[in-house]
PDB file of N, CA and C in Angstrom:
ATOM      1  N   MET A   1       9.442  29.235 -31.943  1.00  0.00           N
ATOM      2  CA  MET A   1      10.532  29.678 -32.170  1.00  0.00           C
ATOM      3  C   MET A   1      11.732  28.741 -33.036  1.00  0.00           C
ATOM      4  N   LYS A   2      12.356  29.377 -33.654  1.00  0.00           N
ATOM      5  CA  LYS A   2      13.547  28.697 -34.420  1.00  0.00           C
ATOM      6  C   LYS A   2      14.975  28.955 -33.815  1.00  0.00           C
ATOM      7  N   ALA A   3      15.662  28.216 -33.837  1.00  0.00           N
ATOM      8  CA  ALA A   3      16.938  27.898 -33.305  1.00  0.00           C
ATOM      9  C   ALA A   3      17.909  27.667 -34.449  1.00  0.00           C
ATOM     10  N   ARG A   4      19.219  27.908 -34.403  1.00  0.00           N
ATOM     11  CA  ARG A   4      20.176  27.263 -35.212  1.00  0.00           C
ATOM     12  C   ARG A   4      21.220  26.506 -34.741  1.00  0.00           C
ATOM     13  N   ILE A   5      21.284  25.374 -35.392  1.00  0.00           N
ATOM     14  CA  ILE A   5      22.450  24.377 -34.758  1.00  0.00           C
ATOM     15  C   ILE A   5      23.527  25.042 -35.314  1.00  0.00           C
ATOM     16  N   VAL A   6      24.561  24.889 -34.378  1.00  0.00           N
ATOM     17  CA  VAL A   6      25.855  25.496 -34.569  1.00  0.00           C
ATOM     18  C   VAL A   6      27.108  24.519 -34.258  1.00  0.00           C
ATOM     19  N   ARG A   7      28.123  24.830 -34.723  1.00  0.00           N
ATOM     20  CA  ARG A   7      29.349  23.919 -34.575  1.00  0.00           C
ATOM     21  C   ARG A   7      30.048  24.383 -33.175  1.00  0.00           C
ATOM     22  N   ILE A   8      30.187  23.697 -32.327  1.00  0.00           N
ATOM     23  CA  ILE A   8      30.854  24.064 -30.731  1.00  0.00           C
ATOM     24  C   ILE A   8      32.203  22.924 -30.909  1.00  0.00           C
ATOM     25  N   GLY A   9      33.379  23.530 -31.127  1.00  0.00           N
ATOM     26  CA  GLY A   9      34.560  22.622 -31.069  1.00  0.00           C
ATOM     27  C   GLY A   9      34.339  21.526 -32.188  1.00  0.00           C
ATOM     28  N   ASN A  10      34.502  20.094 -31.839  1.00  0.00           N
ATOM     29  CA  ASN A  10      34.342  19.140 -32.780  1.00  0.00           C
ATOM     30  C   ASN A  10      32.740  18.521 -32.692  1.00  0.00           C
ATOM     31  N   SER A  11      31.992  19.274 -31.883  1.00  0.00           N
ATOM     32  CA  SER A  11      30.492  18.870 -32.046  1.00  0.00           C
ATOM     33  C   SER A  11      29.887  19.750 -32.709  1.00  0.00           C
ATOM     34  N   THR A  12      28.153  19.731 -32.425  1.00  0.00           N
ATOM     35  CA  THR A  12      27.315  20.597 -32.883  1.00  0.00           C
ATOM     36  C   THR A  12      26.563  20.840 -31.589  1.00  0.00           C
ATOM     37  N   GLY A  13      25.992  21.868 -31.532  1.00  0.00           N
ATOM     38  CA  GLY A  13      24.900  22.241 -30.586  1.00  0.00           C
ATOM     39  C   GLY A  13      23.851  23.113 -30.834  1.00  0.00           C
ATOM     40  N   LEU A  14      23.076  23.400 -29.940  1.00  0.00           N
ATOM     41  CA  LEU A  14      22.132  24.392 -30.169  1.00  0.00           C
ATOM     42  C   LEU A  14      22.057  25.312 -28.958  1.00  0.00           C
ATOM     43  N   TRP A  15      21.925  26.429 -29.158  1.00  0.00           N
ATOM     44  CA  TRP A  15      21.998  27.702 -28.409  1.00  0.00           C
ATOM     45  C   TRP A  15      20.579  27.734 -27.908  1.00  0.00           C
ATOM     46  N   LEU A  16      20.271  27.765 -26.343  1.00  0.00           N
ATOM     47  CA  LEU A  16      18.807  27.832 -25.910  1.00  0.00           C
ATOM     48  C   LEU A  16      19.094  29.303 -25.101  1.00  0.00           C
ATOM     49  N   PRO A  17      17.898  30.047 -25.239  1.00  0.00           N
ATOM     50  CA  PRO A  17      17.884  31.323 -24.544  1.00  0.00           C
ATOM     51  C   PRO A  17      17.806  31.066 -22.713  1.00  0.00           C
ATOM     52  N   LYS A  18      18.519  31.901 -22.114  1.00  0.00           N
ATOM     53  CA  LYS A  18      18.307  31.405 -20.579  1.00  0.00           C
ATOM     54  C   LYS A  18      17.061  31.724 -20.217  1.00  0.00           C
ATOM     55  N   SER A  19      15.887  32.527 -20.956  1.00  0.00           N
ATOM     56  CA  SER A  19      14.802  32.553 -20.086  1.00  0.00           C
ATOM     57  C   SER A  19      14.023  31.541 -20.462  1.00  0.00           C
ATOM     58  N   ILE A  20      14.366  30.938 -21.734  1.00  0.00           N
ATOM     59  CA  ILE A  20      13.627  29.535 -21.771  1.00  0.00           C
ATOM     60  C   ILE A  20      14.056  28.563 -20.845  1.00  0.00           C
ATOM     61  N   LEU A  21      15.077  28.307 -20.680  1.00  0.00           N
ATOM     62  CA  LEU A  21      15.749  27.305 -19.844  1.00  0.00           C
ATOM     63  C   LEU A  21      15.045  27.525 -18.260  1.00  0.00           C
ATOM     64  N   LYS A  22      14.975  28.993 -18.084  1.00  0.00           N
ATOM     65  CA  LYS A  22      14.508  29.299 -16.654  1.00  0.00           C
ATOM     66  C   LYS A  22      12.924  28.774 -16.684  1.00  0.00           C
ATOM     67  N   LEU A  23      12.381  29.201 -17.849  1.00  0.00           N
ATOM     68  CA  LEU A  23      10.871  28.909 -17.583  1.00  0.00           C
ATOM     69  C   LEU A  23      10.713  27.685 -17.310  1.00  0.00           C
ATOM     70  N   VAL A  24      11.422  26.545 -17.849  1.00  0.00           N
ATOM     71  CA  VAL A  24      10.948  25.410 -17.752  1.00  0.00           C
ATOM     72  C   VAL A  24      11.640  24.688 -16.667  1.00  0.00           C
ATOM     73  N   GLY A  25      12.501  25.441 -15.877  1.00  0.00           N
ATOM     74  CA  GLY A  25      13.402  24.617 -14.676  1.00  0.00           C
ATOM     75  C   GLY A  25      14.527  24.077 -15.203  1.00  0.00           C
ATOM     76  N   LEU A  26      15.151  24.069 -16.189  1.00  0.00           N
ATOM     77  CA  LEU A  26      16.487  23.475 -16.568  1.00  0.00           C
ATOM     78  C   LEU A  26      17.584  24.294 -16.104  1.00  0.00           C
ATOM     79  N   ASP A  27      18.744  23.576 -15.545  1.00  0.00           N
ATOM     80  CA  ASP A  27      19.531  24.315 -15.099  1.00  0.00           C
ATOM     81  C   ASP A  27      20.964  23.713 -15.574  1.00  0.00           C
ATOM     82  N   LYS A  28      21.475  22.696 -15.114  1.00  0.00           N
ATOM     83  CA  LYS A  28      23.090  22.429 -15.354  1.00  0.00           C
ATOM     84  C   LYS A  28      23.097  20.997 -16.179  1.00  0.00           C
ATOM     85  N   GLU A  29      22.010  20.020 -15.856  1.00  0.00           N
ATOM     86  CA  GLU A  29      22.112  19.035 -16.640  1.00  0.00           C
ATOM     87  C   GLU A  29      20.582  18.604 -17.185  1.00  0.00           C
ATOM     88  N   VAL A  30      20.267  17.818 -18.127  1.00  0.00           N
ATOM     89  CA  VAL A  30      19.004  17.558 -19.002  1.00  0.00           C
ATOM     90  C   VAL A  30      19.174  16.166 -19.114  1.00  0.00           C
ATOM     91  N   GLU A  31      17.918  15.519 -19.295  1.00  0.00           N
ATOM     92  CA  GLU A  31      17.718  14.417 -19.761  1.00  0.00           C
ATOM     93  C   GLU A  31      17.295  14.427 -21.272  1.00  0.00           C
ATOM     94  N   ILE A  32      17.770  13.686 -22.091  1.00  0.00           N
ATOM     95  CA  ILE A  32      17.523  13.584 -23.656  1.00  0.00           C
ATOM     96  C   ILE A  32      16.921  12.583 -24.069  1.00  0.00           C
ATOM     97  N   GLN A  33      15.604  12.863 -24.565  1.00  0.00           N
ATOM     98  CA  GLN A  33      14.846  11.750 -24.981  1.00  0.00           C
ATOM     99  C   GLN A  33      14.450  11.697 -26.353  1.00  0.00           C
ATOM    100  N   ILE A  34      14.317  10.774 -27.305  1.00  0.00           N
ATOM    101  CA  ILE A  34      14.071  10.995 -28.729  1.00  0.00           C
ATOM    102  C   ILE A  34      12.587  10.128 -28.873  1.00  0.00           C
ATOM    103  N   ARG A  35      11.699  11.222 -29.154  1.00  0.00           N
ATOM    104  CA  ARG A  35      10.332  10.375 -29.308  1.00  0.00           C
ATOM    105  C   ARG A  35       9.863  10.726 -30.800  1.00  0.00           C
ATOM    106  N   GLY A  36       9.872   9.468 -31.649  1.00  0.00           N
ATOM    107  CA  GLY A  36       9.455   9.791 -32.996  1.00  0.00           C
ATOM    108  C   GLY A  36      10.462  10.340 -33.733  1.00  0.00           C
ATOM    109  N   GLY A  37      10.233  11.759 -34.162  1.00  0.00           N
ATOM    110  CA  GLY A  37      11.015  12.692 -34.726  1.00  0.00           C
ATOM    111  C   GLY A  37      11.460  13.602 -34.118  1.00  0.00           C
ATOM    112  N   SER A  38      11.405  13.792 -32.643  1.00  0.00           N
ATOM    113  CA  SER A  38      11.474  14.844 -31.841  1.00  0.00           C
ATOM    114  C   SER A  38      12.552  14.429 -31.102  1.00  0.00           C
ATOM    115  N   ILE A  39      13.281  15.530 -30.432  1.00  0.00           N
ATOM    116  CA  ILE A  39      14.176  15.558 -29.271  1.00  0.00           C
ATOM    117  C   ILE A  39      13.425  16.206 -27.982  1.00  0.00           C
ATOM    118  N   VAL A  40      13.363  15.688 -26.948  1.00  0.00           N
ATOM    119  CA  VAL A  40      12.713  16.145 -25.752  1.00  0.00           C
ATOM    120  C   VAL A  40      13.752  16.120 -24.701  1.00  0.00           C
ATOM    121  N   LEU A  41      13.939  17.413 -24.023  1.00  0.00           N
ATOM    122  CA  LEU A  41      14.712  17.577 -23.167  1.00  0.00           C
ATOM    123  C   LEU A  41      13.903  17.968 -21.865  1.00  0.00           C
ATOM    124  N   LYS A  42      14.233  17.061 -20.733  1.00  0.00           N
ATOM    125  CA  LYS A  42      13.658  17.071 -19.427  1.00  0.00           C
ATOM    126  C   LYS A  42      14.463  17.271 -18.094  1.00  0.00           C
ATOM    127  N   LYS A  43      14.259  17.414 -17.044  1.00  0.00           N
ATOM    128  CA  LYS A  43      14.822  17.566 -15.967  1.00  0.00           C
ATOM    129  C   LYS A  43      15.123  16.310 -15.688  1.00  0.00           C
ATOM    130  N   PRO A  44      16.427  15.925 -15.352  1.00  0.00           N
ATOM    131  CA  PRO A  44      16.781  14.389 -14.869  1.00  0.00           C
ATOM    132  C   PRO A  44      16.028  14.013 -13.576  1.00  0.00           C
ATOM    133  N   MET A  45      15.976  12.794 -13.811  1.00  0.00           N
ATOM    134  CA  MET A  45      14.964  12.287 -12.651  1.00  0.00           C
ATOM    135  C   MET A  45      16.158  11.813 -11.719  1.00  0.00           C
ATOM    136  N   HIS A  46      15.808  12.124 -10.440  1.00  0.00           N
ATOM    137  CA  HIS A  46      16.769  11.464  -9.310  1.00  0.00           C
ATOM    138  C   HIS A  46      16.442  10.371  -9.093  1.00  0.00           C
ATOM    139  N   PRO A  47      17.551   9.229  -8.765  1.00  0.00           N
ATOM    140  CA  PRO A  47      17.443   7.882  -8.534  1.00  0.00           C
ATOM    141  C   PRO A  47      16.073   7.541  -7.784  1.00  0.00           C
ATOM    142  N   ARG A  48      15.896   8.355  -6.573  1.00  0.00           N
ATOM    143  CA  ARG A  48      14.883   7.915  -5.351  1.00  0.00           C
ATOM    144  C   ARG A  48      14.017   9.049  -5.472  1.00  0.00           C
ATOM    145  N   SER A  49      13.651   9.501  -6.459  1.00  0.00           N
ATOM    146  CA  SER A  49      12.572  10.461  -6.490  1.00  0.00           C
ATOM    147  C   SER A  49      11.180   9.639  -6.195  1.00  0.00           C
ATOM    148  N   GLY A  50      10.156  10.087  -5.451  1.00  0.00           N
ATOM    149  CA  GLY A  50       8.982   9.657  -5.283  1.00  0.00           C
ATOM    150  C   GLY A  50       9.071   8.325  -4.137  1.00  0.00           C
ATOM    151  N   TRP A  51      10.226   8.126  -3.860  1.00  0.00           N
ATOM    152  CA  TRP A  51      10.364   7.066  -2.741  1.00  0.00           C
ATOM    153  C   TRP A  51       9.626   7.563  -1.527  1.00  0.00           C
ATOM    154  N   ALA A  52       9.872   8.932  -0.973  1.00  0.00           N
ATOM    155  CA  ALA A  52       9.146   9.302   0.194  1.00  0.00           C
ATOM    156  C   ALA A  52       7.925   9.148   0.315  1.00  0.00           C
ATOM    157  N   LYS A  53       7.032   9.714  -0.848  1.00  0.00           N
ATOM    158  CA  LYS A  53       5.516   9.448  -1.055  1.00  0.00           C
ATOM    159  C   LYS A  53       5.070   7.814  -1.115  1.00  0.00           C
ATOM    160  N   ALA A  54       5.764   7.121  -1.648  1.00  0.00           N
ATOM    161  CA  ALA A  54       5.549   5.807  -1.723  1.00  0.00           C
ATOM    162  C   ALA A  54       5.506   4.969  -0.293  1.00  0.00           C
ATOM    163  N   LEU A  55       6.790   5.452   0.357  1.00  0.00           N
ATOM    164  CA  LEU A  55       6.815   4.717   1.755  1.00  0.00           C
ATOM    165  C   LEU A  55       5.855   5.437   2.644  1.00  0.00           C
ATOM    166  N   ARG A  56       5.365   6.660   2.523  1.00  0.00           N
ATOM    167  CA  ARG A  56       4.325   7.025   3.472  1.00  0.00           C
ATOM    168  C   ARG A  56       2.887   6.425   3.033  1.00  0.00           C
ATOM    169  N   ALA A  57       2.449   6.033   1.770  1.00  0.00           N
ATOM    170  CA  ALA A  57       1.527   5.449   1.244  1.00  0.00           C
ATOM    171  C   ALA A  57       1.688   4.040   1.915  1.00  0.00           C
ATOM    172  N   MET A  58       2.757   3.367   1.715  1.00  0.00           N
ATOM    173  CA  MET A  58       2.938   2.084   2.480  1.00  0.00           C
ATOM    174  C   MET A  58       2.638   1.797   4.039  1.00  0.00           C
ATOM    175  N   ALA A  59       3.072   2.895   4.778  1.00  0.00           N
ATOM    176  CA  ALA A  59       2.964   2.983   6.043  1.00  0.00           C
ATOM    177  C   ALA A  59       1.393   3.302   6.513  1.00  0.00           C
ATOM    178  N   LYS A  60       1.051   3.879   5.844  1.00  0.00           N
ATOM    179  CA  LYS A  60      -0.732   4.297   5.872  1.00  0.00           C
ATOM    180  C   LYS A  60      -1.441   2.908   5.692  1.00  0.00           C
ATOM    181  N   GLY A  61      -1.013   2.309   4.795  1.00  0.00           N
ATOM    182  CA  GLY A  61      -1.618   0.891   4.326  1.00  0.00           C
ATOM    183  C   GLY A  61      -1.235  -0.146   5.237  1.00  0.00           C
ATOM    184  N   ARG A  62      -0.326   0.059   5.969  1.00  0.00           N
ATOM    185  CA  ARG A  62       0.389  -1.209   6.980  1.00  0.00           C
ATOM    186  C   ARG A  62       0.911  -2.044   6.065  1.00  0.00           C
ATOM    187  N   ASP A  63       1.408  -1.594   4.869  1.00  0.00           N
ATOM    188  CA  ASP A  63       2.309  -2.488   4.155  1.00  0.00           C
ATOM    189  C   ASP A  63       3.611  -2.389   4.106  1.00  0.00           C
ATOM    190  N   ASP A  64       4.261  -1.830   5.308  1.00  0.00           N
ATOM    191  CA  ASP A  64       5.587  -1.633   5.612  1.00  0.00           C
ATOM    192  C   ASP A  64       6.226  -2.553   6.575  1.00  0.00           C
ATOM    193  N   VAL A  65       5.830  -3.793   6.513  1.00  0.00           N
ATOM    194  CA  VAL A  65       6.439  -4.856   7.303  1.00  0.00           C
ATOM    195  C   VAL A  65       7.656  -5.615   6.863  1.00  0.00           C
ATOM    196  N   LEU A  66       8.662  -5.901   8.039  1.00  0.00           N
ATOM    197  CA  LEU A  66       9.699  -6.679   7.377  1.00  0.00           C
ATOM    198  C   LEU A  66       9.117  -7.990   6.830  1.00  0.00           C
ATOM    199  N   LEU A  67       9.621  -8.482   5.786  1.00  0.00           N
ATOM    200  CA  LEU A  67       9.256  -9.712   5.220  1.00  0.00           C
ATOM    201  C   LEU A  67      10.065 -10.824   5.744  1.00  0.00           C
ATOM    202  N   ASP A  68      11.358 -10.641   6.077  1.00  0.00           N
ATOM    203  CA  ASP A  68      12.317 -11.634   6.464  1.00  0.00           C
ATOM    204  C   ASP A  68      11.908 -12.074   7.944  1.00  0.00           C
ATOM    205  N   PHE A  69      12.387 -13.297   8.176  1.00  0.00           N
ATOM    206  CA  PHE A  69      12.205 -13.667   9.538  1.00  0.00           C
ATOM    207  C   PHE A  69      13.341 -13.339  10.546  1.00  0.00           C
ATOM    208  N   ASP A  70      13.271 -13.074  11.622  1.00  0.00           N
ATOM    209  CA  ASP A  70      14.297 -12.875  12.567  1.00  0.00           C
ATOM    210  C   ASP A  70      15.341 -13.970  12.533  1.00  0.00           C
ATOM    211  N   THR A  71      16.583 -13.441  12.121  1.00  0.00           N
ATOM    212  CA  THR A  71      17.565 -14.109  12.097  1.00  0.00           C
ATOM    213  C   THR A  71      18.760 -14.068  13.078  1.00  0.00           C
ATOM    214  N   SER A  72      18.492 -13.479  14.219  1.00  0.00           N
ATOM    215  CA  SER A  72      19.190 -12.650  15.470  1.00  0.00           C
ATOM    216  C   SER A  72      19.971 -14.037  15.888  1.00  0.00           C
ATOM    217  N   MET A  73      18.826 -15.101  16.266  1.00  0.00           N
ATOM    218  CA  MET A  73      19.492 -16.265  16.972  1.00  0.00           C
ATOM    219  C   MET A  73      18.689 -17.682  16.691  1.00  0.00           C
ATOM    220  N   SER A  74      19.442 -18.503  16.262  1.00  0.00           N
ATOM    221  CA  SER A  74      18.785 -19.474  16.100  1.00  0.00           C
ATOM    222  C   SER A  74      19.054 -20.848  17.044  1.00  0.00           C
ATOM    223  N   SER A  75      18.682 -21.854  17.093  1.00  0.00           N
ATOM    224  CA  SER A  75      19.357 -23.325  17.747  1.00  0.00           C
ATOM    225  C   SER A  75      20.538 -23.474  17.401  1.00  0.00           C
ATOM    226  N   TRP A  76      21.033 -23.552  16.012  1.00  0.00           N
ATOM    227  CA  TRP A  76      21.985 -23.623  15.575  1.00  0.00           C
ATOM    228  C   TRP A  76      23.178 -22.762  16.232  1.00  0.00           C
ATOM    229  N   ASP A  77      22.784 -21.701  16.068  1.00  0.00           N
ATOM    230  CA  ASP A  77      23.603 -20.559  16.996  1.00  0.00           C
ATOM    231  C   ASP A  77      23.793 -20.994  18.440  1.00  0.00           C
ATOM    232  N   GLU A  78      23.094 -21.486  18.990  1.00  0.00           N
ATOM    233  CA  GLU A  78      22.992 -21.517  20.405  1.00  0.00           C
ATOM    234  C   GLU A  78      23.813 -23.134  20.724  1.00  0.00           C
ATOM    235  N   GLU A  79      23.570 -24.121  19.628  1.00  0.00           N
ATOM    236  CA  GLU A  79      23.773 -25.376  19.907  1.00  0.00           C
ATOM    237  C   GLU A  79      25.290 -25.507  19.236  1.00  0.00           C
ATOM    238  N   GLU A  80      25.198 -25.204  18.115  1.00  0.00           N
ATOM    239  CA  GLU A  80      26.447 -25.716  17.238  1.00  0.00           C
ATOM    240  C   GLU A  80      27.569 -24.690  17.028  1.00  0.00           C
ATOM    241  N   TRP A  81      27.357 -23.481  16.910  1.00  0.00           N
ATOM    242  CA  TRP A  81      28.260 -22.516  16.802  1.00  0.00           C
ATOM    243  C   TRP A  81      28.998 -22.303  18.105  1.00  0.00           C
ATOM    244  N   GLN A  82      30.291 -22.671  18.232  1.00  0.00           N
ATOM    245  CA  GLN A  82      31.291 -22.015  19.325  1.00  0.00           C
ATOM    246  C   GLN A  82      32.587 -21.577  18.711  1.00  0.00           C
ATOM    247  N   TRP A  83      33.013 -20.329  19.541  1.00  0.00           N
ATOM    248  CA  TRP A  83      34.142 -20.211  19.202  1.00  0.00           C
ATOM    249  C   TRP A  83      35.167 -21.249  19.999  1.00  0.00           C
ATOM    250  N   ARG A  84      36.391 -21.275  19.251  1.00  0.00           N
ATOM    251  CA  ARG A  84      37.195 -22.212  19.831  1.00  0.00           C
ATOM    252  C   ARG A  84      38.648 -21.337  19.794  1.00  0.00           C
TER     253      ARG A  84
END
């Protein structure tokens, strides 16, 4: 398929048929990448996409333990810290 690059205000643009956008699942936003001499349009990645799957895998492998030690109360808290 060929498309024509057109002037849109002070910019240039490319008109894409709605049927093509629907076919590939593009809606209001796209991620634009340049690969070699090509322009690639993709669905934008959401910042936390894939986290749920990764966390389930961590839990299954028992790799979801807290790495920090308990800081709720220490001897310094009990002996040194006092409200005056």
